[in-house]
Amino acid sequence: MTVREELHRIVDELPEEELADVRQFIDDLKTGSDGEESLSAETLAAIQEGLEDIKAGRTVSWEQVKRENGL
């Protein structure tokens, strides 16, 4: 049995509710995706803003965060 035939057999035996996950995995393999979702432009902008805050010294200590949140 070839690898292709074996894969067809495995997929045919999977429960219907698992097929969407398998399809997504195969799509990721085809596109070279590492399985991680892409970040939106808004999220990337927020990350950049955070990095700029760090560089400018606009930070608070972990101890201060815990104190302010009653932890």
PDB file of N, CA and C in Angstrom:
ATOM      1  N   MET A   1       0.840  -1.173   0.000  1.00  0.00           N
ATOM      2  CA  MET A   1       0.000   0.000   0.000  1.00  0.00           C
ATOM      3  C   MET A   1       0.893   1.246   0.000  1.00  0.00           C
ATOM      4  N   THR A   2       0.580   2.198  -0.845  1.00  0.00           N
ATOM      5  CA  THR A   2       1.361   3.429  -0.909  1.00  0.00           C
ATOM      6  C   THR A   2       0.988   4.349   0.260  1.00  0.00           C
ATOM      7  N   VAL A   3       1.804   5.350   0.472  1.00  0.00           N
ATOM      8  CA  VAL A   3       1.519   6.325   1.523  1.00  0.00           C
ATOM      9  C   VAL A   3       0.189   7.014   1.236  1.00  0.00           C
ATOM     10  N   ARG A   4      -0.035   7.386  -0.007  1.00  0.00           N
ATOM     11  CA  ARG A   4      -1.289   8.049  -0.397  1.00  0.00           C
ATOM     12  C   ARG A   4      -2.488   7.162  -0.079  1.00  0.00           C
ATOM     13  N   GLU A   5      -2.382   5.892  -0.408  1.00  0.00           N
ATOM     14  CA  GLU A   5      -3.478   4.952  -0.134  1.00  0.00           C
ATOM     15  C   GLU A   5      -3.705   4.811   1.375  1.00  0.00           C
ATOM     16  N   GLU A   6      -2.618   4.742   2.117  1.00  0.00           N
ATOM     17  CA  GLU A   6      -2.714   4.628   3.573  1.00  0.00           C
ATOM     18  C   GLU A   6      -3.383   5.866   4.173  1.00  0.00           C
ATOM     19  N   LEU A   7      -3.009   7.031   3.669  1.00  0.00           N
ATOM     20  CA  LEU A   7      -3.633   8.263   4.161  1.00  0.00           C
ATOM     21  C   LEU A   7      -5.125   8.300   3.842  1.00  0.00           C
ATOM     22  N   HIS A   8      -5.477   7.875   2.645  1.00  0.00           N
ATOM     23  CA  HIS A   8      -6.899   7.810   2.272  1.00  0.00           C
ATOM     24  C   HIS A   8      -7.646   6.877   3.229  1.00  0.00           C
ATOM     25  N   ARG A   9      -7.052   5.754   3.546  1.00  0.00           N
ATOM     26  CA  ARG A   9      -7.684   4.792   4.456  1.00  0.00           C
ATOM     27  C   ARG A   9      -7.882   5.411   5.835  1.00  0.00           C
ATOM     28  N   ILE A  10      -6.850   6.082   6.330  1.00  0.00           N
ATOM     29  CA  ILE A  10      -6.928   6.704   7.651  1.00  0.00           C
ATOM     30  C   ILE A  10      -8.021   7.766   7.678  1.00  0.00           C
ATOM     31  N   VAL A  11      -8.041   8.625   6.668  1.00  0.00           N
ATOM     32  CA  VAL A  11      -9.049   9.690   6.607  1.00  0.00           C
ATOM     33  C   VAL A  11     -10.445   9.088   6.519  1.00  0.00           C
ATOM     34  N   ASP A  12     -10.607   8.053   5.740  1.00  0.00           N
ATOM     35  CA  ASP A  12     -11.916   7.412   5.611  1.00  0.00           C
ATOM     36  C   ASP A  12     -12.409   6.844   6.937  1.00  0.00           C
ATOM     37  N   GLU A  13     -11.511   6.493   7.826  1.00  0.00           N
ATOM     38  CA  GLU A  13     -11.883   5.905   9.111  1.00  0.00           C
ATOM     39  C   GLU A  13     -12.116   6.948  10.206  1.00  0.00           C
ATOM     40  N   LEU A  14     -11.748   8.193   9.956  1.00  0.00           N
ATOM     41  CA  LEU A  14     -11.909   9.236  10.974  1.00  0.00           C
ATOM     42  C   LEU A  14     -13.371   9.594  11.167  1.00  0.00           C
ATOM     43  N   PRO A  15     -13.728   9.950  12.412  1.00  0.00           N
ATOM     44  CA  PRO A  15     -15.084  10.455  12.649  1.00  0.00           C
ATOM     45  C   PRO A  15     -15.288  11.775  11.905  1.00  0.00           C
ATOM     46  N   GLU A  16     -16.488  12.017  11.461  1.00  0.00           N
ATOM     47  CA  GLU A  16     -16.816  13.214  10.679  1.00  0.00           C
ATOM     48  C   GLU A  16     -16.386  14.496  11.391  1.00  0.00           C
ATOM     49  N   GLU A  17     -16.551  14.540  12.717  1.00  0.00           N
ATOM     50  CA  GLU A  17     -16.250  15.771  13.470  1.00  0.00           C
ATOM     51  C   GLU A  17     -14.759  16.096  13.522  1.00  0.00           C
ATOM     52  N   GLU A  18     -13.886  15.192  13.132  1.00  0.00           N
ATOM     53  CA  GLU A  18     -12.443  15.456  13.129  1.00  0.00           C
ATOM     54  C   GLU A  18     -11.917  15.884  11.752  1.00  0.00           C
ATOM     55  N   LEU A  19     -12.742  15.771  10.739  1.00  0.00           N
ATOM     56  CA  LEU A  19     -12.278  16.044   9.377  1.00  0.00           C
ATOM     57  C   LEU A  19     -11.908  17.507   9.141  1.00  0.00           C
ATOM     58  N   ALA A  20     -12.599  18.442   9.769  1.00  0.00           N
ATOM     59  CA  ALA A  20     -12.266  19.863   9.584  1.00  0.00           C
ATOM     60  C   ALA A  20     -10.858  20.150  10.100  1.00  0.00           C
ATOM     61  N   ASP A  21     -10.489  19.542  11.229  1.00  0.00           N
ATOM     62  CA  ASP A  21      -9.139  19.737  11.773  1.00  0.00           C
ATOM     63  C   ASP A  21      -8.089  19.150  10.842  1.00  0.00           C
ATOM     64  N   VAL A  22      -8.387  17.997  10.274  1.00  0.00           N
ATOM     65  CA  VAL A  22      -7.449  17.360   9.343  1.00  0.00           C
ATOM     66  C   VAL A  22      -7.271  18.225   8.105  1.00  0.00           C
ATOM     67  N   ARG A  23      -8.382  18.746   7.606  1.00  0.00           N
ATOM     68  CA  ARG A  23      -8.297  19.608   6.416  1.00  0.00           C
ATOM     69  C   ARG A  23      -7.453  20.850   6.708  1.00  0.00           C
ATOM     70  N   GLN A  24      -7.648  21.469   7.876  1.00  0.00           N
ATOM     71  CA  GLN A  24      -6.864  22.646   8.241  1.00  0.00           C
ATOM     72  C   GLN A  24      -5.383  22.301   8.326  1.00  0.00           C
ATOM     73  N   PHE A  25      -5.068  21.166   8.911  1.00  0.00           N
ATOM     74  CA  PHE A  25      -3.679  20.726   9.023  1.00  0.00           C
ATOM     75  C   PHE A  25      -3.063  20.541   7.641  1.00  0.00           C
ATOM     76  N   ILE A  26      -3.802  19.908   6.736  1.00  0.00           N
ATOM     77  CA  ILE A  26      -3.294  19.690   5.374  1.00  0.00           C
ATOM     78  C   ILE A  26      -3.120  21.021   4.654  1.00  0.00           C
ATOM     79  N   ASP A  27      -4.080  21.931   4.821  1.00  0.00           N
ATOM     80  CA  ASP A  27      -3.952  23.259   4.214  1.00  0.00           C
ATOM     81  C   ASP A  27      -2.711  23.977   4.733  1.00  0.00           C
ATOM     82  N   ASP A  28      -2.449  23.859   6.043  1.00  0.00           N
ATOM     83  CA  ASP A  28      -1.257  24.480   6.625  1.00  0.00           C
ATOM     84  C   ASP A  28       0.012  23.884   6.035  1.00  0.00           C
ATOM     85  N   LEU A  29       0.020  22.573   5.834  1.00  0.00           N
ATOM     86  CA  LEU A  29       1.186  21.923   5.222  1.00  0.00           C
ATOM     87  C   LEU A  29       1.414  22.431   3.801  1.00  0.00           C
ATOM     88  N   LYS A  30       0.330  22.576   3.054  1.00  0.00           N
ATOM     89  CA  LYS A  30       0.440  23.016   1.667  1.00  0.00           C
ATOM     90  C   LYS A  30       0.943  24.451   1.554  1.00  0.00           C
ATOM     91  N   THR A  31       0.549  25.300   2.503  1.00  0.00           N
ATOM     92  CA  THR A  31       0.929  26.714   2.421  1.00  0.00           C
ATOM     93  C   THR A  31       2.197  27.027   3.192  1.00  0.00           C
ATOM     94  N   GLY A  32       2.727  26.037   3.893  1.00  0.00           N
ATOM     95  CA  GLY A  32       3.947  26.263   4.654  1.00  0.00           C
ATOM     96  C   GLY A  32       3.695  26.931   5.980  1.00  0.00           C
ATOM     97  N   SER A  33       2.444  26.997   6.401  1.00  0.00           N
ATOM     98  CA  SER A  33       2.126  27.608   7.681  1.00  0.00           C
ATOM     99  C   SER A  33       2.641  26.732   8.805  1.00  0.00           C
ATOM    100  N   ASP A  34       3.058  27.365   9.885  1.00  0.00           N
ATOM    101  CA  ASP A  34       3.546  26.598  11.029  1.00  0.00           C
ATOM    102  C   ASP A  34       2.432  26.287  12.015  1.00  0.00           C
ATOM    103  N   GLY A  35       1.198  26.520  11.609  1.00  0.00           N
ATOM    104  CA  GLY A  35       0.066  26.217  12.463  1.00  0.00           C
ATOM    105  C   GLY A  35      -0.362  27.374  13.333  1.00  0.00           C
ATOM    106  N   GLU A  36       0.403  28.424  13.361  1.00  0.00           N
ATOM    107  CA  GLU A  36       0.033  29.576  14.149  1.00  0.00           C
ATOM    108  C   GLU A  36      -0.778  30.533  13.295  1.00  0.00           C
ATOM    109  N   GLU A  37      -1.767  31.126  13.920  1.00  0.00           N
ATOM    110  CA  GLU A  37      -2.595  32.073  13.206  1.00  0.00           C
ATOM    111  C   GLU A  37      -1.829  33.365  12.964  1.00  0.00           C
ATOM    112  N   SER A  38      -2.151  34.039  11.866  1.00  0.00           N
ATOM    113  CA  SER A  38      -1.538  35.329  11.581  1.00  0.00           C
ATOM    114  C   SER A  38      -2.108  36.371  12.525  1.00  0.00           C
ATOM    115  N   LEU A  39      -1.304  37.333  12.863  1.00  0.00           N
ATOM    116  CA  LEU A  39      -1.759  38.410  13.726  1.00  0.00           C
ATOM    117  C   LEU A  39      -2.383  39.512  12.884  1.00  0.00           C
ATOM    118  N   SER A  40      -3.450  40.100  13.405  1.00  0.00           N
ATOM    119  CA  SER A  40      -4.115  41.187  12.697  1.00  0.00           C
ATOM    120  C   SER A  40      -3.232  42.435  12.728  1.00  0.00           C
ATOM    121  N   ALA A  41      -3.532  43.362  11.847  1.00  0.00           N
ATOM    122  CA  ALA A  41      -2.795  44.626  11.809  1.00  0.00           C
ATOM    123  C   ALA A  41      -2.955  45.364  13.135  1.00  0.00           C
ATOM    124  N   GLU A  42      -4.146  45.273  13.724  1.00  0.00           N
ATOM    125  CA  GLU A  42      -4.394  45.926  15.008  1.00  0.00           C
ATOM    126  C   GLU A  42      -3.522  45.322  16.112  1.00  0.00           C
ATOM    127  N   THR A  43      -3.412  44.008  16.134  1.00  0.00           N
ATOM    128  CA  THR A  43      -2.589  43.339  17.135  1.00  0.00           C
ATOM    129  C   THR A  43      -1.121  43.680  16.940  1.00  0.00           C
ATOM    130  N   LEU A  44      -0.658  43.677  15.701  1.00  0.00           N
ATOM    131  CA  LEU A  44       0.729  44.028  15.424  1.00  0.00           C
ATOM    132  C   LEU A  44       1.031  45.457  15.857  1.00  0.00           C
ATOM    133  N   ALA A  45       0.079  46.364  15.638  1.00  0.00           N
ATOM    134  CA  ALA A  45       0.267  47.761  16.058  1.00  0.00           C
ATOM    135  C   ALA A  45       0.344  47.858  17.576  1.00  0.00           C
ATOM    136  N   ALA A  46      -0.490  47.083  18.277  1.00  0.00           N
ATOM    137  CA  ALA A  46      -0.463  47.097  19.738  1.00  0.00           C
ATOM    138  C   ALA A  46       0.858  46.553  20.271  1.00  0.00           C
ATOM    139  N   ILE A  47       1.374  45.524  19.636  1.00  0.00           N
ATOM    140  CA  ILE A  47       2.673  44.975  20.034  1.00  0.00           C
ATOM    141  C   ILE A  47       3.771  46.009  19.825  1.00  0.00           C
ATOM    142  N   GLN A  48       3.743  46.661  18.675  1.00  0.00           N
ATOM    143  CA  GLN A  48       4.741  47.693  18.380  1.00  0.00           C
ATOM    144  C   GLN A  48       4.674  48.825  19.396  1.00  0.00           C
ATOM    145  N   GLU A  49       3.466  49.232  19.744  1.00  0.00           N
ATOM    146  CA  GLU A  49       3.294  50.292  20.740  1.00  0.00           C
ATOM    147  C   GLU A  49       3.874  49.863  22.090  1.00  0.00           C
ATOM    148  N   GLY A  50       3.635  48.614  22.458  1.00  0.00           N
ATOM    149  CA  GLY A  50       4.175  48.102  23.708  1.00  0.00           C
ATOM    150  C   GLY A  50       5.692  48.089  23.719  1.00  0.00           C
ATOM    151  N   LEU A  51       6.274  47.676  22.595  1.00  0.00           N
ATOM    152  CA  LEU A  51       7.741  47.661  22.496  1.00  0.00           C
ATOM    153  C   LEU A  51       8.315  49.075  22.604  1.00  0.00           C
ATOM    154  N   GLU A  52       7.627  50.039  21.991  1.00  0.00           N
ATOM    155  CA  GLU A  52       8.077  51.425  22.081  1.00  0.00           C
ATOM    156  C   GLU A  52       7.961  51.937  23.513  1.00  0.00           C
ATOM    157  N   ASP A  53       6.889  51.541  24.223  1.00  0.00           N
ATOM    158  CA  ASP A  53       6.747  51.919  25.631  1.00  0.00           C
ATOM    159  C   ASP A  53       7.910  51.372  26.453  1.00  0.00           C
ATOM    160  N   ILE A  54       8.278  50.141  26.221  1.00  0.00           N
ATOM    161  CA  ILE A  54       9.395  49.535  26.950  1.00  0.00           C
ATOM    162  C   ILE A  54      10.681  50.302  26.687  1.00  0.00           C
ATOM    163  N   LYS A  55      10.956  50.598  25.420  1.00  0.00           N
ATOM    164  CA  LYS A  55      12.175  51.334  25.071  1.00  0.00           C
ATOM    165  C   LYS A  55      12.211  52.706  25.722  1.00  0.00           C
ATOM    166  N   ALA A  56      11.021  53.325  25.861  1.00  0.00           N
ATOM    167  CA  ALA A  56      10.946  54.671  26.445  1.00  0.00           C
ATOM    168  C   ALA A  56      10.873  54.630  27.970  1.00  0.00           C
ATOM    169  N   GLY A  57      10.884  53.441  28.536  1.00  0.00           N
ATOM    170  CA  GLY A  57      10.852  53.326  29.991  1.00  0.00           C
ATOM    171  C   GLY A  57       9.471  53.448  30.607  1.00  0.00           C
ATOM    172  N   ARG A  58       8.440  53.397  29.788  1.00  0.00           N
ATOM    173  CA  ARG A  58       7.073  53.491  30.299  1.00  0.00           C
ATOM    174  C   ARG A  58       6.592  52.092  30.705  1.00  0.00           C
ATOM    175  N   THR A  59       7.088  51.652  31.859  1.00  0.00           N
ATOM    176  CA  THR A  59       6.761  50.318  32.360  1.00  0.00           C
ATOM    177  C   THR A  59       6.456  50.388  33.847  1.00  0.00           C
ATOM    178  N   VAL A  60       5.882  49.320  34.365  1.00  0.00           N
ATOM    179  CA  VAL A  60       5.688  49.174  35.810  1.00  0.00           C
ATOM    180  C   VAL A  60       6.234  47.810  36.198  1.00  0.00           C
ATOM    181  N   SER A  61       6.649  47.678  37.439  1.00  0.00           N
ATOM    182  CA  SER A  61       7.211  46.412  37.893  1.00  0.00           C
ATOM    183  C   SER A  61       6.107  45.388  38.118  1.00  0.00           C
ATOM    184  N   TRP A  62       6.495  44.138  38.111  1.00  0.00           N
ATOM    185  CA  TRP A  62       5.555  43.048  38.382  1.00  0.00           C
ATOM    186  C   TRP A  62       5.006  43.206  39.804  1.00  0.00           C
ATOM    187  N   GLU A  63       5.849  43.630  40.723  1.00  0.00           N
ATOM    188  CA  GLU A  63       5.407  43.848  42.100  1.00  0.00           C
ATOM    189  C   GLU A  63       4.309  44.914  42.156  1.00  0.00           C
ATOM    190  N   GLN A  64       4.470  45.981  41.387  1.00  0.00           N
ATOM    191  CA  GLN A  64       3.458  47.044  41.361  1.00  0.00           C
ATOM    192  C   GLN A  64       2.148  46.527  40.773  1.00  0.00           C
ATOM    193  N   VAL A  65       2.215  45.749  39.724  1.00  0.00           N
ATOM    194  CA  VAL A  65       1.008  45.173  39.111  1.00  0.00           C
ATOM    195  C   VAL A  65       0.279  44.307  40.124  1.00  0.00           C
ATOM    196  N   LYS A  66       1.016  43.453  40.835  1.00  0.00           N
ATOM    197  CA  LYS A  66       0.399  42.588  41.831  1.00  0.00           C
ATOM    198  C   LYS A  66      -0.249  43.406  42.954  1.00  0.00           C
ATOM    199  N   ARG A  67       0.461  44.429  43.415  1.00  0.00           N
ATOM    200  CA  ARG A  67      -0.043  45.280  44.476  1.00  0.00           C
ATOM    201  C   ARG A  67      -1.332  45.977  44.038  1.00  0.00           C
ATOM    202  N   GLU A  68      -1.336  46.541  42.837  1.00  0.00           N
ATOM    203  CA  GLU A  68      -2.494  47.275  42.335  1.00  0.00           C
ATOM    204  C   GLU A  68      -3.701  46.372  42.076  1.00  0.00           C
ATOM    205  N   ASN A  69      -3.456  45.081  41.864  1.00  0.00           N
ATOM    206  CA  ASN A  69      -4.531  44.138  41.582  1.00  0.00           C
ATOM    207  C   ASN A  69      -4.825  43.209  42.761  1.00  0.00           C
ATOM    208  N   GLY A  70      -4.270  43.535  43.924  1.00  0.00           N
ATOM    209  CA  GLY A  70      -4.549  42.771  45.115  1.00  0.00           C
ATOM    210  C   GLY A  70      -4.050  41.338  45.069  1.00  0.00           C
ATOM    211  N   LEU A  71      -2.950  41.124  44.406  1.00  0.00           N
ATOM    212  CA  LEU A  71      -2.402  39.768  44.297  1.00  0.00           C
ATOM    213  C   LEU A  71      -1.260  39.542  45.259  1.00  0.00           C
TER     214      LEU A  71
END
